[in-house]
Amino acid sequence: MSPKSSPTIARPKRPSPVLICGKCLSKIDGGKKLKQALKAELKHAAGAHGGKRPKLVTTSCLGICPKRAVVTASVATLECGEYLLIGDRKEAGDVVGVLLKQG
């Protein structure tokens, strides 16, 4: 028998990622523009606070499946058991503060 080894822990150099549902993006009008707007707002928020921006990660279905919105989440929202729904790209700026728990 080999001795038990402990798992290796890695600490990223950037903030935790923001998740966005790829299935939702493909189903709504303007999904690509919404993703670009959210990415730009994340970059802007990180620049305003002197840090690196979180990576925007497109996932498979998150299981919420709203009719006219895209599901997003971050470590900050998942700790509370919450997901955020974005209806269009104009809402991206408002959502970033909640995703990053800045306000």
N, C-alpha and C. Protein backbone atom coordinates (compact mmCIF):
# COMPACT_ATOMS: atom_id res chain seq x y z
N MET A 1 0.83 -1.19 0.00
CA MET A 1 0.00 0.00 0.00
C MET A 1 0.87 1.25 0.00
N SER A 2 0.47 2.20 -0.78
CA SER A 2 1.21 3.46 -0.82
C SER A 2 0.63 4.40 0.23
N PRO A 3 1.47 5.29 0.75
CA PRO A 3 0.95 6.24 1.75
C PRO A 3 -0.04 7.20 1.09
N LYS A 4 -1.01 7.63 1.86
CA LYS A 4 -2.00 8.57 1.33
C LYS A 4 -1.34 9.91 1.07
N SER A 5 -1.64 10.48 -0.08
CA SER A 5 -1.11 11.80 -0.40
C SER A 5 -2.24 12.82 -0.29
N SER A 6 -1.88 14.00 0.10
CA SER A 6 -2.88 15.06 0.22
C SER A 6 -3.03 15.75 -1.13
N PRO A 7 -4.18 16.31 -1.41
CA PRO A 7 -4.38 16.99 -2.69
C PRO A 7 -3.51 18.25 -2.78
N THR A 8 -3.14 18.58 -3.97
CA THR A 8 -2.37 19.80 -4.20
C THR A 8 -3.33 20.97 -4.34
N ILE A 9 -3.05 22.03 -3.65
CA ILE A 9 -3.90 23.22 -3.70
C ILE A 9 -3.19 24.28 -4.53
N ALA A 10 -3.92 24.83 -5.50
CA ALA A 10 -3.38 25.89 -6.35
C ALA A 10 -4.17 27.16 -6.11
N ARG A 11 -3.49 28.26 -6.04
CA ARG A 11 -4.14 29.56 -5.86
C ARG A 11 -3.94 30.38 -7.13
N PRO A 12 -5.05 30.77 -7.77
CA PRO A 12 -4.94 31.53 -9.02
C PRO A 12 -4.41 32.94 -8.78
N LYS A 13 -3.86 33.52 -9.83
CA LYS A 13 -3.33 34.88 -9.75
C LYS A 13 -4.40 35.92 -10.06
N ARG A 14 -5.54 35.51 -10.52
CA ARG A 14 -6.62 36.43 -10.84
C ARG A 14 -7.83 36.09 -9.99
N PRO A 15 -8.80 36.98 -9.94
CA PRO A 15 -10.03 36.70 -9.17
C PRO A 15 -10.76 35.47 -9.70
N SER A 16 -11.66 34.96 -8.90
CA SER A 16 -12.45 33.79 -9.29
C SER A 16 -13.27 34.10 -10.54
N PRO A 17 -13.51 33.10 -11.38
CA PRO A 17 -14.21 33.34 -12.65
C PRO A 17 -15.68 33.69 -12.47
N VAL A 18 -16.23 34.31 -13.50
CA VAL A 18 -17.65 34.57 -13.60
C VAL A 18 -18.18 33.59 -14.64
N LEU A 19 -19.23 32.87 -14.29
CA LEU A 19 -19.81 31.86 -15.18
C LEU A 19 -20.98 32.44 -15.94
N ILE A 20 -21.10 32.04 -17.21
CA ILE A 20 -22.23 32.47 -18.04
C ILE A 20 -22.68 31.26 -18.84
N CYS A 21 -23.98 31.04 -18.90
CA CYS A 21 -24.54 29.86 -19.57
C CYS A 21 -24.49 30.00 -21.09
N GLY A 22 -23.78 29.10 -21.73
CA GLY A 22 -23.67 29.13 -23.19
C GLY A 22 -24.97 28.78 -23.89
N LYS A 23 -25.76 27.92 -23.29
CA LYS A 23 -27.05 27.54 -23.88
C LYS A 23 -28.00 28.74 -23.90
N CYS A 24 -28.03 29.48 -22.80
CA CYS A 24 -28.86 30.69 -22.74
C CYS A 24 -28.40 31.71 -23.77
N LEU A 25 -27.08 31.89 -23.88
CA LEU A 25 -26.54 32.85 -24.85
C LEU A 25 -26.98 32.54 -26.26
N SER A 26 -27.02 31.25 -26.60
CA SER A 26 -27.38 30.87 -27.96
C SER A 26 -28.88 31.00 -28.24
N LYS A 27 -29.69 31.05 -27.20
CA LYS A 27 -31.14 31.09 -27.38
C LYS A 27 -31.73 32.50 -27.43
N ILE A 28 -31.01 33.50 -26.93
CA ILE A 28 -31.59 34.84 -26.93
C ILE A 28 -31.01 35.68 -28.06
N ASP A 29 -31.80 36.66 -28.49
CA ASP A 29 -31.31 37.61 -29.50
C ASP A 29 -30.23 38.47 -28.87
N GLY A 30 -29.14 38.66 -29.56
CA GLY A 30 -28.07 39.52 -29.06
C GLY A 30 -27.23 38.87 -27.98
N GLY A 31 -27.19 37.55 -27.93
CA GLY A 31 -26.41 36.85 -26.91
C GLY A 31 -24.92 37.15 -26.99
N LYS A 32 -24.40 37.23 -28.21
CA LYS A 32 -22.98 37.51 -28.39
C LYS A 32 -22.64 38.92 -27.89
N LYS A 33 -23.50 39.88 -28.17
CA LYS A 33 -23.28 41.26 -27.73
C LYS A 33 -23.41 41.37 -26.20
N LEU A 34 -24.31 40.60 -25.62
CA LEU A 34 -24.47 40.59 -24.18
C LEU A 34 -23.18 40.07 -23.53
N LYS A 35 -22.63 39.01 -24.05
CA LYS A 35 -21.39 38.45 -23.52
C LYS A 35 -20.24 39.46 -23.64
N GLN A 36 -20.15 40.14 -24.77
CA GLN A 36 -19.11 41.15 -24.97
C GLN A 36 -19.27 42.30 -23.99
N ALA A 37 -20.51 42.71 -23.75
CA ALA A 37 -20.79 43.81 -22.82
C ALA A 37 -20.41 43.42 -21.39
N LEU A 38 -20.73 42.21 -21.01
CA LEU A 38 -20.40 41.74 -19.67
C LEU A 38 -18.88 41.66 -19.49
N LYS A 39 -18.21 41.17 -20.50
CA LYS A 39 -16.74 41.08 -20.45
C LYS A 39 -16.12 42.48 -20.32
N ALA A 40 -16.64 43.43 -21.07
CA ALA A 40 -16.14 44.80 -21.01
C ALA A 40 -16.40 45.42 -19.64
N GLU A 41 -17.56 45.17 -19.07
CA GLU A 41 -17.88 45.71 -17.74
C GLU A 41 -17.00 45.09 -16.67
N LEU A 42 -16.69 43.80 -16.79
CA LEU A 42 -15.77 43.16 -15.84
C LEU A 42 -14.38 43.78 -15.93
N LYS A 43 -13.95 44.06 -17.15
CA LYS A 43 -12.64 44.68 -17.37
C LYS A 43 -12.63 46.08 -16.76
N HIS A 44 -13.70 46.83 -16.99
CA HIS A 44 -13.81 48.19 -16.46
C HIS A 44 -13.81 48.18 -14.93
N ALA A 45 -14.56 47.27 -14.32
CA ALA A 45 -14.63 47.18 -12.86
C ALA A 45 -13.29 46.81 -12.27
N ALA A 46 -12.56 45.92 -12.91
CA ALA A 46 -11.24 45.52 -12.41
C ALA A 46 -10.26 46.68 -12.52
N GLY A 47 -10.32 47.41 -13.63
CA GLY A 47 -9.43 48.56 -13.82
C GLY A 47 -9.68 49.66 -12.80
N ALA A 48 -10.93 49.85 -12.45
CA ALA A 48 -11.29 50.87 -11.48
C ALA A 48 -10.79 50.53 -10.08
N HIS A 49 -10.59 49.25 -9.83
CA HIS A 49 -10.12 48.81 -8.52
C HIS A 49 -8.66 48.37 -8.55
N GLY A 50 -7.96 48.63 -9.65
CA GLY A 50 -6.53 48.36 -9.74
C GLY A 50 -6.15 46.90 -9.76
N GLY A 51 -7.05 46.03 -10.14
CA GLY A 51 -6.75 44.60 -10.14
C GLY A 51 -6.94 43.97 -11.50
N LYS A 52 -6.78 42.67 -11.52
CA LYS A 52 -7.01 41.92 -12.75
C LYS A 52 -8.50 41.59 -12.84
N ARG A 53 -8.98 41.49 -14.07
CA ARG A 53 -10.40 41.17 -14.24
C ARG A 53 -10.61 39.66 -14.11
N PRO A 54 -11.76 39.28 -13.60
CA PRO A 54 -12.08 37.85 -13.55
C PRO A 54 -12.31 37.32 -14.96
N LYS A 55 -11.98 36.11 -15.18
CA LYS A 55 -12.20 35.46 -16.46
C LYS A 55 -13.70 35.18 -16.61
N LEU A 56 -14.25 35.43 -17.78
CA LEU A 56 -15.64 35.12 -18.08
C LEU A 56 -15.65 33.75 -18.74
N VAL A 57 -16.22 32.77 -18.08
CA VAL A 57 -16.19 31.39 -18.54
C VAL A 57 -17.57 30.97 -19.02
N THR A 58 -17.65 30.54 -20.27
CA THR A 58 -18.91 30.04 -20.82
C THR A 58 -19.06 28.57 -20.41
N THR A 59 -20.18 28.25 -19.81
CA THR A 59 -20.43 26.90 -19.32
C THR A 59 -21.51 26.23 -20.16
N SER A 60 -21.74 24.97 -19.88
CA SER A 60 -22.91 24.31 -20.45
C SER A 60 -24.11 24.73 -19.60
N CYS A 61 -25.24 24.14 -19.82
CA CYS A 61 -26.48 24.53 -19.15
C CYS A 61 -26.34 24.49 -17.63
N LEU A 62 -26.77 25.56 -16.97
CA LEU A 62 -26.73 25.64 -15.52
C LEU A 62 -28.04 25.16 -14.88
N GLY A 63 -29.02 24.81 -15.72
CA GLY A 63 -30.24 24.20 -15.22
C GLY A 63 -31.35 25.16 -14.80
N ILE A 64 -31.17 26.45 -14.97
CA ILE A 64 -32.20 27.42 -14.59
C ILE A 64 -33.16 27.65 -15.77
N CYS A 65 -32.60 27.89 -16.94
CA CYS A 65 -33.32 28.00 -18.21
C CYS A 65 -34.46 29.03 -18.24
N PRO A 66 -34.14 30.33 -18.06
CA PRO A 66 -35.18 31.35 -18.21
C PRO A 66 -35.53 31.53 -19.69
N LYS A 67 -36.69 32.08 -19.97
CA LYS A 67 -37.13 32.21 -21.36
C LYS A 67 -36.39 33.31 -22.13
N ARG A 68 -36.17 34.47 -21.52
CA ARG A 68 -35.57 35.60 -22.25
C ARG A 68 -34.42 36.23 -21.47
N ALA A 69 -33.57 35.40 -20.89
CA ALA A 69 -32.45 35.92 -20.11
C ALA A 69 -31.30 34.91 -20.13
N VAL A 70 -30.16 35.37 -19.66
CA VAL A 70 -28.97 34.53 -19.57
C VAL A 70 -28.60 34.37 -18.10
N VAL A 71 -28.27 33.16 -17.70
CA VAL A 71 -27.91 32.87 -16.32
C VAL A 71 -26.42 33.13 -16.13
N THR A 72 -26.08 33.87 -15.07
CA THR A 72 -24.69 34.12 -14.70
C THR A 72 -24.52 33.82 -13.22
N ALA A 73 -23.27 33.57 -12.84
CA ALA A 73 -22.97 33.30 -11.43
C ALA A 73 -21.49 33.56 -11.18
N SER A 74 -21.16 33.75 -9.93
CA SER A 74 -19.77 33.91 -9.51
C SER A 74 -19.63 33.23 -8.15
N VAL A 75 -18.43 33.16 -7.64
CA VAL A 75 -18.22 32.58 -6.32
C VAL A 75 -19.04 33.35 -5.29
N ALA A 76 -19.05 34.66 -5.42
CA ALA A 76 -19.79 35.50 -4.47
C ALA A 76 -21.29 35.19 -4.47
N THR A 77 -21.88 34.97 -5.63
CA THR A 77 -23.32 34.68 -5.68
C THR A 77 -23.62 33.23 -5.33
N LEU A 78 -22.74 32.32 -5.74
CA LEU A 78 -22.97 30.91 -5.44
C LEU A 78 -22.86 30.61 -3.95
N GLU A 79 -22.04 31.38 -3.23
CA GLU A 79 -21.96 31.22 -1.78
C GLU A 79 -23.31 31.47 -1.13
N CYS A 80 -24.11 32.34 -1.73
CA CYS A 80 -25.46 32.65 -1.22
C CYS A 80 -26.53 31.77 -1.86
N GLY A 81 -26.12 30.89 -2.78
CA GLY A 81 -27.08 30.06 -3.49
C GLY A 81 -27.89 30.82 -4.51
N GLU A 82 -27.29 31.86 -5.10
CA GLU A 82 -28.01 32.72 -6.04
C GLU A 82 -27.36 32.71 -7.42
N TYR A 83 -28.20 32.89 -8.43
CA TYR A 83 -27.78 33.09 -9.82
C TYR A 83 -28.36 34.43 -10.26
N LEU A 84 -27.71 35.06 -11.20
CA LEU A 84 -28.23 36.32 -11.73
C LEU A 84 -28.70 36.12 -13.16
N LEU A 85 -29.84 36.71 -13.49
CA LEU A 85 -30.39 36.62 -14.83
C LEU A 85 -30.22 37.97 -15.51
N ILE A 86 -29.62 37.96 -16.70
CA ILE A 86 -29.41 39.19 -17.46
C ILE A 86 -30.30 39.14 -18.69
N GLY A 87 -31.19 40.13 -18.83
CA GLY A 87 -32.12 40.17 -19.95
C GLY A 87 -31.52 40.76 -21.22
N ASP A 88 -30.67 41.77 -21.09
CA ASP A 88 -30.00 42.34 -22.27
C ASP A 88 -28.70 43.00 -21.85
N ARG A 89 -27.94 43.44 -22.83
CA ARG A 89 -26.60 43.96 -22.54
C ARG A 89 -26.60 45.25 -21.74
N LYS A 90 -27.70 45.96 -21.73
CA LYS A 90 -27.78 47.20 -20.94
C LYS A 90 -27.71 46.92 -19.44
N GLU A 91 -28.04 45.72 -19.03
CA GLU A 91 -28.03 45.34 -17.62
C GLU A 91 -26.65 44.88 -17.14
N ALA A 92 -25.70 44.72 -18.05
CA ALA A 92 -24.39 44.15 -17.70
C ALA A 92 -23.68 44.96 -16.62
N GLY A 93 -23.73 46.27 -16.71
CA GLY A 93 -23.06 47.12 -15.73
C GLY A 93 -23.62 46.96 -14.33
N ASP A 94 -24.93 46.82 -14.24
CA ASP A 94 -25.58 46.66 -12.94
C ASP A 94 -25.25 45.31 -12.31
N VAL A 95 -25.14 44.30 -13.15
CA VAL A 95 -24.92 42.94 -12.67
C VAL A 95 -23.50 42.73 -12.15
N VAL A 96 -22.53 43.42 -12.75
CA VAL A 96 -21.12 43.22 -12.37
C VAL A 96 -20.88 43.51 -10.90
N GLY A 97 -21.48 44.56 -10.38
CA GLY A 97 -21.32 44.88 -8.97
C GLY A 97 -21.79 43.77 -8.05
N VAL A 98 -22.87 43.11 -8.43
CA VAL A 98 -23.39 42.00 -7.63
C VAL A 98 -22.50 40.78 -7.80
N LEU A 99 -22.09 40.49 -9.03
CA LEU A 99 -21.23 39.33 -9.27
C LEU A 99 -19.91 39.43 -8.51
N LEU A 100 -19.40 40.65 -8.40
CA LEU A 100 -18.12 40.85 -7.71
C LEU A 100 -18.31 41.32 -6.27
N LYS A 101 -19.57 41.43 -5.83
CA LYS A 101 -19.96 41.89 -4.48
C LYS A 101 -19.31 43.23 -4.17
N GLN A 102 -19.49 44.18 -5.10
CA GLN A 102 -18.97 45.53 -4.91
C GLN A 102 -20.06 46.53 -4.57
N GLY A 103 -21.25 46.07 -4.48
CA GLY A 103 -22.30 47.03 -4.18
C GLY A 103 -23.66 46.49 -4.41
